[in-house]
Amino acid sequence: MSSDRKSTQRRFSEQFKRDAVNLVVVEGYSYSAAANAVGVAYTTFRKWYDKYAPEPEPTGPNASLEQLQSEVKRLRKQLREAEMEREILKKATAYFAKESE
């Protein structure tokens, strides 16, 4: 069965993955919207994002109000996503623990 699965697995170039990540980085798409736009699973897209997205630069002590607001917005979004992922993992863990009983 795994050989059939591999034959239908799609392959994407590194440039395609970088372009997809730029939908979030440059265009402001959400992760799920970007994943849908390029036709891949959310988890696949997050792997690409983790690999290809540039590290955001923290603001320094001389940052403008706009830069600080942007960083706060980014960090709040990152926190919401991490909290959502944590909740999903907690539910999955509970589900699989129940299934293994």
PDB file of N, CA and C in Angstrom:
ATOM      1  N   MET A   1       0.814  -1.188   0.000  1.00  0.00           N
ATOM      2  CA  MET A   1       0.000   0.000   0.000  1.00  0.00           C
ATOM      3  C   MET A   1       0.865   1.262   0.000  1.00  0.00           C
ATOM      4  N   SER A   2       1.980   1.227   0.689  1.00  0.00           N
ATOM      5  CA  SER A   2       2.809   2.426   0.741  1.00  0.00           C
ATOM      6  C   SER A   2       3.409   2.759  -0.614  1.00  0.00           C
ATOM      7  N   SER A   3       3.650   1.768  -1.458  1.00  0.00           N
ATOM      8  CA  SER A   3       4.190   2.071  -2.780  1.00  0.00           C
ATOM      9  C   SER A   3       3.163   2.807  -3.624  1.00  0.00           C
ATOM     10  N   ASP A   4       1.854   2.475  -3.487  1.00  0.00           N
ATOM     11  CA  ASP A   4       0.806   3.201  -4.200  1.00  0.00           C
ATOM     12  C   ASP A   4       0.716   4.632  -3.709  1.00  0.00           C
ATOM     13  N   ARG A   5       0.854   4.794  -2.441  1.00  0.00           N
ATOM     14  CA  ARG A   5       0.761   6.122  -1.840  1.00  0.00           C
ATOM     15  C   ARG A   5       1.876   7.033  -2.346  1.00  0.00           C
ATOM     16  N   LYS A   6       3.073   6.488  -2.441  1.00  0.00           N
ATOM     17  CA  LYS A   6       4.204   7.290  -2.905  1.00  0.00           C
ATOM     18  C   LYS A   6       4.033   7.694  -4.358  1.00  0.00           C
ATOM     19  N   SER A   7       3.411   6.861  -5.157  1.00  0.00           N
ATOM     20  CA  SER A   7       3.258   7.188  -6.567  1.00  0.00           C
ATOM     21  C   SER A   7       2.278   8.339  -6.784  1.00  0.00           C
ATOM     22  N   THR A   8       1.357   8.556  -5.855  1.00  0.00           N
ATOM     23  CA  THR A   8       0.395   9.657  -5.994  1.00  0.00           C
ATOM     24  C   THR A   8       0.814  10.893  -5.200  1.00  0.00           C
ATOM     25  N   GLN A   9       1.887  10.804  -4.459  1.00  0.00           N
ATOM     26  CA  GLN A   9       2.345  11.932  -3.666  1.00  0.00           C
ATOM     27  C   GLN A   9       2.886  13.034  -4.573  1.00  0.00           C
ATOM     28  N   ARG A  10       2.403  14.245  -4.359  1.00  0.00           N
ATOM     29  CA  ARG A  10       2.846  15.374  -5.175  1.00  0.00           C
ATOM     30  C   ARG A  10       4.170  15.893  -4.654  1.00  0.00           C
ATOM     31  N   ARG A  11       4.987  16.379  -5.571  1.00  0.00           N
ATOM     32  CA  ARG A  11       6.278  16.973  -5.227  1.00  0.00           C
ATOM     33  C   ARG A  11       6.243  18.444  -5.614  1.00  0.00           C
ATOM     34  N   PHE A  12       6.786  19.273  -4.770  1.00  0.00           N
ATOM     35  CA  PHE A  12       6.815  20.708  -5.018  1.00  0.00           C
ATOM     36  C   PHE A  12       8.258  21.190  -4.984  1.00  0.00           C
ATOM     37  N   SER A  13       8.563  22.098  -5.876  1.00  0.00           N
ATOM     38  CA  SER A  13       9.921  22.644  -5.908  1.00  0.00           C
ATOM     39  C   SER A  13      10.142  23.549  -4.701  1.00  0.00           C
ATOM     40  N   GLU A  14      11.406  23.751  -4.396  1.00  0.00           N
ATOM     41  CA  GLU A  14      11.749  24.645  -3.292  1.00  0.00           C
ATOM     42  C   GLU A  14      11.234  26.058  -3.572  1.00  0.00           C
ATOM     43  N   GLN A  15      11.323  26.501  -4.822  1.00  0.00           N
ATOM     44  CA  GLN A  15      10.845  27.842  -5.178  1.00  0.00           C
ATOM     45  C   GLN A  15       9.334  27.952  -4.973  1.00  0.00           C
ATOM     46  N   PHE A  16       8.595  26.913  -5.313  1.00  0.00           N
ATOM     47  CA  PHE A  16       7.155  26.911  -5.098  1.00  0.00           C
ATOM     48  C   PHE A  16       6.846  27.067  -3.609  1.00  0.00           C
ATOM     49  N   LYS A  17       7.582  26.339  -2.776  1.00  0.00           N
ATOM     50  CA  LYS A  17       7.374  26.409  -1.333  1.00  0.00           C
ATOM     51  C   LYS A  17       7.686  27.809  -0.813  1.00  0.00           C
ATOM     52  N   ARG A  18       8.768  28.399  -1.295  1.00  0.00           N
ATOM     53  CA  ARG A  18       9.125  29.764  -0.877  1.00  0.00           C
ATOM     54  C   ARG A  18       8.047  30.762  -1.316  1.00  0.00           C
ATOM     55  N   ASP A  19       7.554  30.594  -2.530  1.00  0.00           N
ATOM     56  CA  ASP A  19       6.491  31.475  -3.020  1.00  0.00           C
ATOM     57  C   ASP A  19       5.223  31.316  -2.183  1.00  0.00           C
ATOM     58  N   ALA A  20       4.922  30.092  -1.803  1.00  0.00           N
ATOM     59  CA  ALA A  20       3.752  29.845  -0.965  1.00  0.00           C
ATOM     60  C   ALA A  20       3.915  30.520   0.398  1.00  0.00           C
ATOM     61  N   VAL A  21       5.088  30.401   0.986  1.00  0.00           N
ATOM     62  CA  VAL A  21       5.364  31.031   2.289  1.00  0.00           C
ATOM     63  C   VAL A  21       5.260  32.547   2.175  1.00  0.00           C
ATOM     64  N   ASN A  22       5.646  33.095   1.028  1.00  0.00           N
ATOM     65  CA  ASN A  22       5.545  34.544   0.831  1.00  0.00           C
ATOM     66  C   ASN A  22       4.109  35.042   0.855  1.00  0.00           C
ATOM     67  N   LEU A  23       3.153  34.162   0.628  1.00  0.00           N
ATOM     68  CA  LEU A  23       1.756  34.573   0.763  1.00  0.00           C
ATOM     69  C   LEU A  23       1.478  35.051   2.187  1.00  0.00           C
ATOM     70  N   VAL A  24       2.105  34.417   3.152  1.00  0.00           N
ATOM     71  CA  VAL A  24       1.945  34.826   4.551  1.00  0.00           C
ATOM     72  C   VAL A  24       2.877  35.989   4.875  1.00  0.00           C
ATOM     73  N   VAL A  25       4.149  35.820   4.517  1.00  0.00           N
ATOM     74  CA  VAL A  25       5.179  36.788   4.898  1.00  0.00           C
ATOM     75  C   VAL A  25       4.962  38.147   4.240  1.00  0.00           C
ATOM     76  N   VAL A  26       4.668  38.145   2.953  1.00  0.00           N
ATOM     77  CA  VAL A  26       4.586  39.388   2.198  1.00  0.00           C
ATOM     78  C   VAL A  26       3.141  39.862   2.012  1.00  0.00           C
ATOM     79  N   GLU A  27       2.269  38.930   1.659  1.00  0.00           N
ATOM     80  CA  GLU A  27       0.900  39.293   1.297  1.00  0.00           C
ATOM     81  C   GLU A  27      -0.065  39.359   2.485  1.00  0.00           C
ATOM     82  N   GLY A  28       0.320  38.803   3.628  1.00  0.00           N
ATOM     83  CA  GLY A  28      -0.522  38.891   4.814  1.00  0.00           C
ATOM     84  C   GLY A  28      -1.615  37.839   4.920  1.00  0.00           C
ATOM     85  N   TYR A  29      -1.511  36.763   4.143  1.00  0.00           N
ATOM     86  CA  TYR A  29      -2.475  35.670   4.246  1.00  0.00           C
ATOM     87  C   TYR A  29      -2.348  34.994   5.606  1.00  0.00           C
ATOM     88  N   SER A  30      -3.416  34.355   6.055  1.00  0.00           N
ATOM     89  CA  SER A  30      -3.303  33.485   7.223  1.00  0.00           C
ATOM     90  C   SER A  30      -2.674  32.175   6.752  1.00  0.00           C
ATOM     91  N   TYR A  31      -2.211  31.359   7.683  1.00  0.00           N
ATOM     92  CA  TYR A  31      -1.611  30.081   7.314  1.00  0.00           C
ATOM     93  C   TYR A  31      -2.620  29.206   6.572  1.00  0.00           C
ATOM     94  N   SER A  32      -3.816  29.115   7.098  1.00  0.00           N
ATOM     95  CA  SER A  32      -4.811  28.244   6.466  1.00  0.00           C
ATOM     96  C   SER A  32      -5.223  28.775   5.100  1.00  0.00           C
ATOM     97  N   ALA A  33      -5.346  30.091   4.948  1.00  0.00           N
ATOM     98  CA  ALA A  33      -5.702  30.660   3.647  1.00  0.00           C
ATOM     99  C   ALA A  33      -4.593  30.402   2.623  1.00  0.00           C
ATOM    100  N   ALA A  34      -3.357  30.528   3.040  1.00  0.00           N
ATOM    101  CA  ALA A  34      -2.237  30.265   2.136  1.00  0.00           C
ATOM    102  C   ALA A  34      -2.200  28.783   1.749  1.00  0.00           C
ATOM    103  N   ALA A  35      -2.407  27.899   2.718  1.00  0.00           N
ATOM    104  CA  ALA A  35      -2.420  26.460   2.428  1.00  0.00           C
ATOM    105  C   ALA A  35      -3.526  26.141   1.425  1.00  0.00           C
ATOM    106  N   ASN A  36      -4.702  26.715   1.632  1.00  0.00           N
ATOM    107  CA  ASN A  36      -5.805  26.493   0.698  1.00  0.00           C
ATOM    108  C   ASN A  36      -5.491  27.059  -0.683  1.00  0.00           C
ATOM    109  N   ALA A  37      -4.856  28.221  -0.725  1.00  0.00           N
ATOM    110  CA  ALA A  37      -4.553  28.873  -1.995  1.00  0.00           C
ATOM    111  C   ALA A  37      -3.610  28.037  -2.858  1.00  0.00           C
ATOM    112  N   VAL A  38      -2.684  27.328  -2.230  1.00  0.00           N
ATOM    113  CA  VAL A  38      -1.735  26.522  -3.001  1.00  0.00           C
ATOM    114  C   VAL A  38      -2.116  25.044  -3.037  1.00  0.00           C
ATOM    115  N   GLY A  39      -3.205  24.684  -2.368  1.00  0.00           N
ATOM    116  CA  GLY A  39      -3.723  23.323  -2.447  1.00  0.00           C
ATOM    117  C   GLY A  39      -2.964  22.282  -1.666  1.00  0.00           C
ATOM    118  N   VAL A  40      -2.493  22.666  -0.463  1.00  0.00           N
ATOM    119  CA  VAL A  40      -1.813  21.693   0.394  1.00  0.00           C
ATOM    120  C   VAL A  40      -2.465  21.706   1.775  1.00  0.00           C
ATOM    121  N   ALA A  41      -2.183  20.684   2.546  1.00  0.00           N
ATOM    122  CA  ALA A  41      -2.701  20.593   3.909  1.00  0.00           C
ATOM    123  C   ALA A  41      -2.057  21.663   4.790  1.00  0.00           C
ATOM    124  N   TYR A  42      -2.791  22.074   5.791  1.00  0.00           N
ATOM    125  CA  TYR A  42      -2.306  23.077   6.737  1.00  0.00           C
ATOM    126  C   TYR A  42      -0.978  22.646   7.347  1.00  0.00           C
ATOM    127  N   THR A  43      -0.889  21.389   7.758  1.00  0.00           N
ATOM    128  CA  THR A  43       0.344  20.913   8.407  1.00  0.00           C
ATOM    129  C   THR A  43       1.527  20.931   7.443  1.00  0.00           C
ATOM    130  N   THR A  44       1.277  20.610   6.195  1.00  0.00           N
ATOM    131  CA  THR A  44       2.338  20.677   5.186  1.00  0.00           C
ATOM    132  C   THR A  44       2.808  22.113   5.028  1.00  0.00           C
ATOM    133  N   PHE A  45       1.848  23.028   4.943  1.00  0.00           N
ATOM    134  CA  PHE A  45       2.212  24.426   4.782  1.00  0.00           C
ATOM    135  C   PHE A  45       3.004  24.930   5.975  1.00  0.00           C
ATOM    136  N   ARG A  46       2.602  24.553   7.196  1.00  0.00           N
ATOM    137  CA  ARG A  46       3.334  25.004   8.388  1.00  0.00           C
ATOM    138  C   ARG A  46       4.776  24.490   8.381  1.00  0.00           C
ATOM    139  N   LYS A  47       4.991  23.291   7.887  1.00  0.00           N
ATOM    140  CA  LYS A  47       6.361  22.782   7.773  1.00  0.00           C
ATOM    141  C   LYS A  47       7.164  23.643   6.814  1.00  0.00           C
ATOM    142  N   TRP A  48       6.552  23.991   5.688  1.00  0.00           N
ATOM    143  CA  TRP A  48       7.226  24.865   4.729  1.00  0.00           C
ATOM    144  C   TRP A  48       7.525  26.209   5.371  1.00  0.00           C
ATOM    145  N   TYR A  49       6.547  26.755   6.083  1.00  0.00           N
ATOM    146  CA  TYR A  49       6.712  28.062   6.714  1.00  0.00           C
ATOM    147  C   TYR A  49       7.860  28.022   7.719  1.00  0.00           C
ATOM    148  N   ASP A  50       7.872  26.993   8.541  1.00  0.00           N
ATOM    149  CA  ASP A  50       8.931  26.872   9.547  1.00  0.00           C
ATOM    150  C   ASP A  50      10.309  26.788   8.893  1.00  0.00           C
ATOM    151  N   LYS A  51      10.381  26.188   7.717  1.00  0.00           N
ATOM    152  CA  LYS A  51      11.659  26.023   7.041  1.00  0.00           C
ATOM    153  C   LYS A  51      12.078  27.263   6.249  1.00  0.00           C
ATOM    154  N   TYR A  52      11.130  27.926   5.585  1.00  0.00           N
ATOM    155  CA  TYR A  52      11.487  28.972   4.626  1.00  0.00           C
ATOM    156  C   TYR A  52      11.191  30.410   5.054  1.00  0.00           C
ATOM    157  N   ALA A  53      10.396  30.603   6.070  1.00  0.00           N
ATOM    158  CA  ALA A  53      10.064  31.978   6.468  1.00  0.00           C
ATOM    159  C   ALA A  53      11.261  32.637   7.138  1.00  0.00           C
ATOM    160  N   PRO A  54      11.497  33.896   6.832  1.00  0.00           N
ATOM    161  CA  PRO A  54      12.593  34.601   7.507  1.00  0.00           C
ATOM    162  C   PRO A  54      12.242  34.842   8.967  1.00  0.00           C
ATOM    163  N   GLU A  55      13.260  34.850   9.790  1.00  0.00           N
ATOM    164  CA  GLU A  55      13.046  35.154  11.202  1.00  0.00           C
ATOM    165  C   GLU A  55      12.657  36.628  11.329  1.00  0.00           C
ATOM    166  N   PRO A  56      11.565  36.920  12.028  1.00  0.00           N
ATOM    167  CA  PRO A  56      11.214  38.327  12.215  1.00  0.00           C
ATOM    168  C   PRO A  56      12.250  39.017  13.088  1.00  0.00           C
ATOM    169  N   GLU A  57      12.518  40.242  12.747  1.00  0.00           N
ATOM    170  CA  GLU A  57      13.497  40.989  13.519  1.00  0.00           C
ATOM    171  C   GLU A  57      12.798  41.664  14.701  1.00  0.00           C
ATOM    172  N   PRO A  58      13.304  41.442  15.902  1.00  0.00           N
ATOM    173  CA  PRO A  58      12.706  42.122  17.057  1.00  0.00           C
ATOM    174  C   PRO A  58      12.992  43.620  16.986  1.00  0.00           C
ATOM    175  N   THR A  59      12.081  44.360  17.549  1.00  0.00           N
ATOM    176  CA  THR A  59      12.291  45.807  17.563  1.00  0.00           C
ATOM    177  C   THR A  59      13.309  46.146  18.641  1.00  0.00           C
ATOM    178  N   GLY A  60      14.049  47.205  18.402  1.00  0.00           N
ATOM    179  CA  GLY A  60      15.063  47.641  19.349  1.00  0.00           C
ATOM    180  C   GLY A  60      14.531  48.745  20.235  1.00  0.00           C
ATOM    181  N   PRO A  61      15.369  49.276  21.093  1.00  0.00           N
ATOM    182  CA  PRO A  61      14.948  50.320  22.028  1.00  0.00           C
ATOM    183  C   PRO A  61      14.558  51.622  21.325  1.00  0.00           C
ATOM    184  N   ASN A  62      14.999  51.808  20.086  1.00  0.00           N
ATOM    185  CA  ASN A  62      14.675  53.030  19.364  1.00  0.00           C
ATOM    186  C   ASN A  62      13.568  52.814  18.333  1.00  0.00           C
ATOM    187  N   ALA A  63      12.780  51.776  18.506  1.00  0.00           N
ATOM    188  CA  ALA A  63      11.734  51.451  17.540  1.00  0.00           C
ATOM    189  C   ALA A  63      10.628  52.503  17.572  1.00  0.00           C
ATOM    190  N   SER A  64      10.023  52.672  16.412  1.00  0.00           N
ATOM    191  CA  SER A  64       8.900  53.607  16.325  1.00  0.00           C
ATOM    192  C   SER A  64       7.645  52.952  16.902  1.00  0.00           C
ATOM    193  N   LEU A  65       6.652  53.762  17.156  1.00  0.00           N
ATOM    194  CA  LEU A  65       5.378  53.248  17.665  1.00  0.00           C
ATOM    195  C   LEU A  65       4.785  52.253  16.673  1.00  0.00           C
ATOM    196  N   GLU A  66       4.892  52.550  15.399  1.00  0.00           N
ATOM    197  CA  GLU A  66       4.367  51.656  14.364  1.00  0.00           C
ATOM    198  C   GLU A  66       5.071  50.299  14.388  1.00  0.00           C
ATOM    199  N   GLN A  67       6.381  50.298  14.545  1.00  0.00           N
ATOM    200  CA  GLN A  67       7.143  49.047  14.615  1.00  0.00           C
ATOM    201  C   GLN A  67       6.749  48.245  15.854  1.00  0.00           C
ATOM    202  N   LEU A  68       6.593  48.925  16.977  1.00  0.00           N
ATOM    203  CA  LEU A  68       6.186  48.242  18.207  1.00  0.00           C
ATOM    204  C   LEU A  68       4.794  47.654  18.070  1.00  0.00           C
ATOM    205  N   GLN A  69       3.880  48.407  17.481  1.00  0.00           N
ATOM    206  CA  GLN A  69       2.516  47.909  17.289  1.00  0.00           C
ATOM    207  C   GLN A  69       2.510  46.699  16.357  1.00  0.00           C
ATOM    208  N   SER A  70       3.323  46.751  15.329  1.00  0.00           N
ATOM    209  CA  SER A  70       3.421  45.633  14.394  1.00  0.00           C
ATOM    210  C   SER A  70       3.958  44.385  15.089  1.00  0.00           C
ATOM    211  N   GLU A  71       4.967  44.578  15.925  1.00  0.00           N
ATOM    212  CA  GLU A  71       5.529  43.433  16.638  1.00  0.00           C
ATOM    213  C   GLU A  71       4.529  42.863  17.634  1.00  0.00           C
ATOM    214  N   VAL A  72       3.813  43.716  18.330  1.00  0.00           N
ATOM    215  CA  VAL A  72       2.795  43.239  19.269  1.00  0.00           C
ATOM    216  C   VAL A  72       1.733  42.446  18.523  1.00  0.00           C
ATOM    217  N   LYS A  73       1.299  42.959  17.383  1.00  0.00           N
ATOM    218  CA  LYS A  73       0.289  42.262  16.574  1.00  0.00           C
ATOM    219  C   LYS A  73       0.799  40.891  16.143  1.00  0.00           C
ATOM    220  N   ARG A  74       2.051  40.827  15.669  1.00  0.00           N
ATOM    221  CA  ARG A  74       2.649  39.569  15.231  1.00  0.00           C
ATOM    222  C   ARG A  74       2.754  38.577  16.386  1.00  0.00           C
ATOM    223  N   LEU A  75       3.193  39.075  17.532  1.00  0.00           N
ATOM    224  CA  LEU A  75       3.355  38.190  18.690  1.00  0.00           C
ATOM    225  C   LEU A  75       2.016  37.695  19.218  1.00  0.00           C
ATOM    226  N   ARG A  76       1.011  38.544  19.191  1.00  0.00           N
ATOM    227  CA  ARG A  76      -0.328  38.110  19.616  1.00  0.00           C
ATOM    228  C   ARG A  76      -0.868  37.032  18.688  1.00  0.00           C
ATOM    229  N   LYS A  77      -0.658  37.220  17.396  1.00  0.00           N
ATOM    230  CA  LYS A  77      -1.100  36.227  16.424  1.00  0.00           C
ATOM    231  C   LYS A  77      -0.355  34.912  16.646  1.00  0.00           C
ATOM    232  N   GLN A  78       0.940  35.003  16.862  1.00  0.00           N
ATOM    233  CA  GLN A  78       1.756  33.810  17.112  1.00  0.00           C
ATOM    234  C   GLN A  78       1.283  33.101  18.377  1.00  0.00           C
ATOM    235  N   LEU A  79       0.939  33.864  19.397  1.00  0.00           N
ATOM    236  CA  LEU A  79       0.452  33.277  20.639  1.00  0.00           C
ATOM    237  C   LEU A  79      -0.896  32.579  20.418  1.00  0.00           C
ATOM    238  N   ARG A  80      -1.805  33.220  19.708  1.00  0.00           N
ATOM    239  CA  ARG A  80      -3.105  32.598  19.416  1.00  0.00           C
ATOM    240  C   ARG A  80      -2.929  31.277  18.684  1.00  0.00           C
ATOM    241  N   GLU A  81      -2.041  31.265  17.697  1.00  0.00           N
ATOM    242  CA  GLU A  81      -1.805  30.044  16.927  1.00  0.00           C
ATOM    243  C   GLU A  81      -1.200  28.955  17.801  1.00  0.00           C
ATOM    244  N   ALA A  82      -0.271  29.316  18.658  1.00  0.00           N
ATOM    245  CA  ALA A  82       0.346  28.330  19.554  1.00  0.00           C
ATOM    246  C   ALA A  82      -0.686  27.785  20.538  1.00  0.00           C
ATOM    247  N   GLU A  83      -1.554  28.652  21.041  1.00  0.00           N
ATOM    248  CA  GLU A  83      -2.604  28.204  21.958  1.00  0.00           C
ATOM    249  C   GLU A  83      -3.578  27.262  21.253  1.00  0.00           C
ATOM    250  N   MET A  84      -3.924  27.592  19.997  1.00  0.00           N
ATOM    251  CA  MET A  84      -4.825  26.750  19.228  1.00  0.00           C
ATOM    252  C   MET A  84      -4.180  25.388  18.962  1.00  0.00           C
ATOM    253  N   GLU A  85      -2.921  25.387  18.582  1.00  0.00           N
ATOM    254  CA  GLU A  85      -2.222  24.131  18.347  1.00  0.00           C
ATOM    255  C   GLU A  85      -2.147  23.298  19.618  1.00  0.00           C
ATOM    256  N   ARG A  86      -1.892  23.955  20.735  1.00  0.00           N
ATOM    257  CA  ARG A  86      -1.827  23.246  22.014  1.00  0.00           C
ATOM    258  C   ARG A  86      -3.170  22.602  22.337  1.00  0.00           C
ATOM    259  N   GLU A  87      -4.262  23.319  22.120  1.00  0.00           N
ATOM    260  CA  GLU A  87      -5.598  22.771  22.392  1.00  0.00           C
ATOM    261  C   GLU A  87      -5.887  21.574  21.495  1.00  0.00           C
ATOM    262  N   ILE A  88      -5.505  21.671  20.227  1.00  0.00           N
ATOM    263  CA  ILE A  88      -5.703  20.553  19.304  1.00  0.00           C
ATOM    264  C   ILE A  88      -4.908  19.343  19.768  1.00  0.00           C
ATOM    265  N   LEU A  89      -3.668  19.568  20.166  1.00  0.00           N
ATOM    266  CA  LEU A  89      -2.844  18.460  20.649  1.00  0.00           C
ATOM    267  C   LEU A  89      -3.401  17.854  21.931  1.00  0.00           C
ATOM    268  N   LYS A  90      -3.927  18.679  22.833  1.00  0.00           N
ATOM    269  CA  LYS A  90      -4.529  18.168  24.068  1.00  0.00           C
ATOM    270  C   LYS A  90      -5.727  17.279  23.746  1.00  0.00           C
ATOM    271  N   LYS A  91      -6.552  17.729  22.803  1.00  0.00           N
ATOM    272  CA  LYS A  91      -7.731  16.942  22.422  1.00  0.00           C
ATOM    273  C   LYS A  91      -7.321  15.642  21.748  1.00  0.00           C
ATOM    274  N   ALA A  92      -6.320  15.715  20.888  1.00  0.00           N
ATOM    275  CA  ALA A  92      -5.846  14.509  20.207  1.00  0.00           C
ATOM    276  C   ALA A  92      -5.257  13.524  21.212  1.00  0.00           C
ATOM    277  N   THR A  93      -4.504  14.039  22.165  1.00  0.00           N
ATOM    278  CA  THR A  93      -3.918  13.177  23.194  1.00  0.00           C
ATOM    279  C   THR A  93      -5.007  12.496  24.005  1.00  0.00           C
ATOM    280  N   ALA A  94      -6.022  13.247  24.391  1.00  0.00           N
ATOM    281  CA  ALA A  94      -7.131  12.668  25.156  1.00  0.00           C
ATOM    282  C   ALA A  94      -7.865  11.615  24.334  1.00  0.00           C
ATOM    283  N   TYR A  95      -8.073  11.905  23.052  1.00  0.00           N
ATOM    284  CA  TYR A  95      -8.764  10.967  22.168  1.00  0.00           C
ATOM    285  C   TYR A  95      -7.987   9.663  22.055  1.00  0.00           C
ATOM    286  N   PHE A  96      -6.681   9.754  21.781  1.00  0.00           N
ATOM    287  CA  PHE A  96      -5.889   8.556  21.605  1.00  0.00           C
ATOM    288  C   PHE A  96      -5.683   7.813  22.920  1.00  0.00           C
ATOM    289  N   ALA A  97      -5.652   8.512  24.022  1.00  0.00           N
ATOM    290  CA  ALA A  97      -5.558   7.845  25.325  1.00  0.00           C
ATOM    291  C   ALA A  97      -6.820   7.047  25.583  1.00  0.00           C
ATOM    292  N   LYS A  98      -7.957   7.609  25.219  1.00  0.00           N
ATOM    293  CA  LYS A  98      -9.240   6.940  25.401  1.00  0.00           C
ATOM    294  C   LYS A  98      -9.332   5.713  24.481  1.00  0.00           C
ATOM    295  N   GLU A  99      -8.852   5.867  23.251  1.00  0.00           N
ATOM    296  CA  GLU A  99      -8.893   4.775  22.271  1.00  0.00           C
ATOM    297  C   GLU A  99      -8.001   3.607  22.702  1.00  0.00           C
ATOM    298  N   SER A 100      -6.918   3.877  23.404  1.00  0.00           N
ATOM    299  CA  SER A 100      -5.990   2.811  23.772  1.00  0.00           C
ATOM    300  C   SER A 100      -6.405   2.073  25.044  1.00  0.00           C
ATOM    301  N   GLU A 101      -7.456   2.530  25.690  1.00  0.00           N
ATOM    302  CA  GLU A 101      -7.895   1.863  26.931  1.00  0.00           C
ATOM    303  C   GLU A 101      -8.565   0.551  26.653  1.00  0.00           C
TER     304      GLU A 101
END
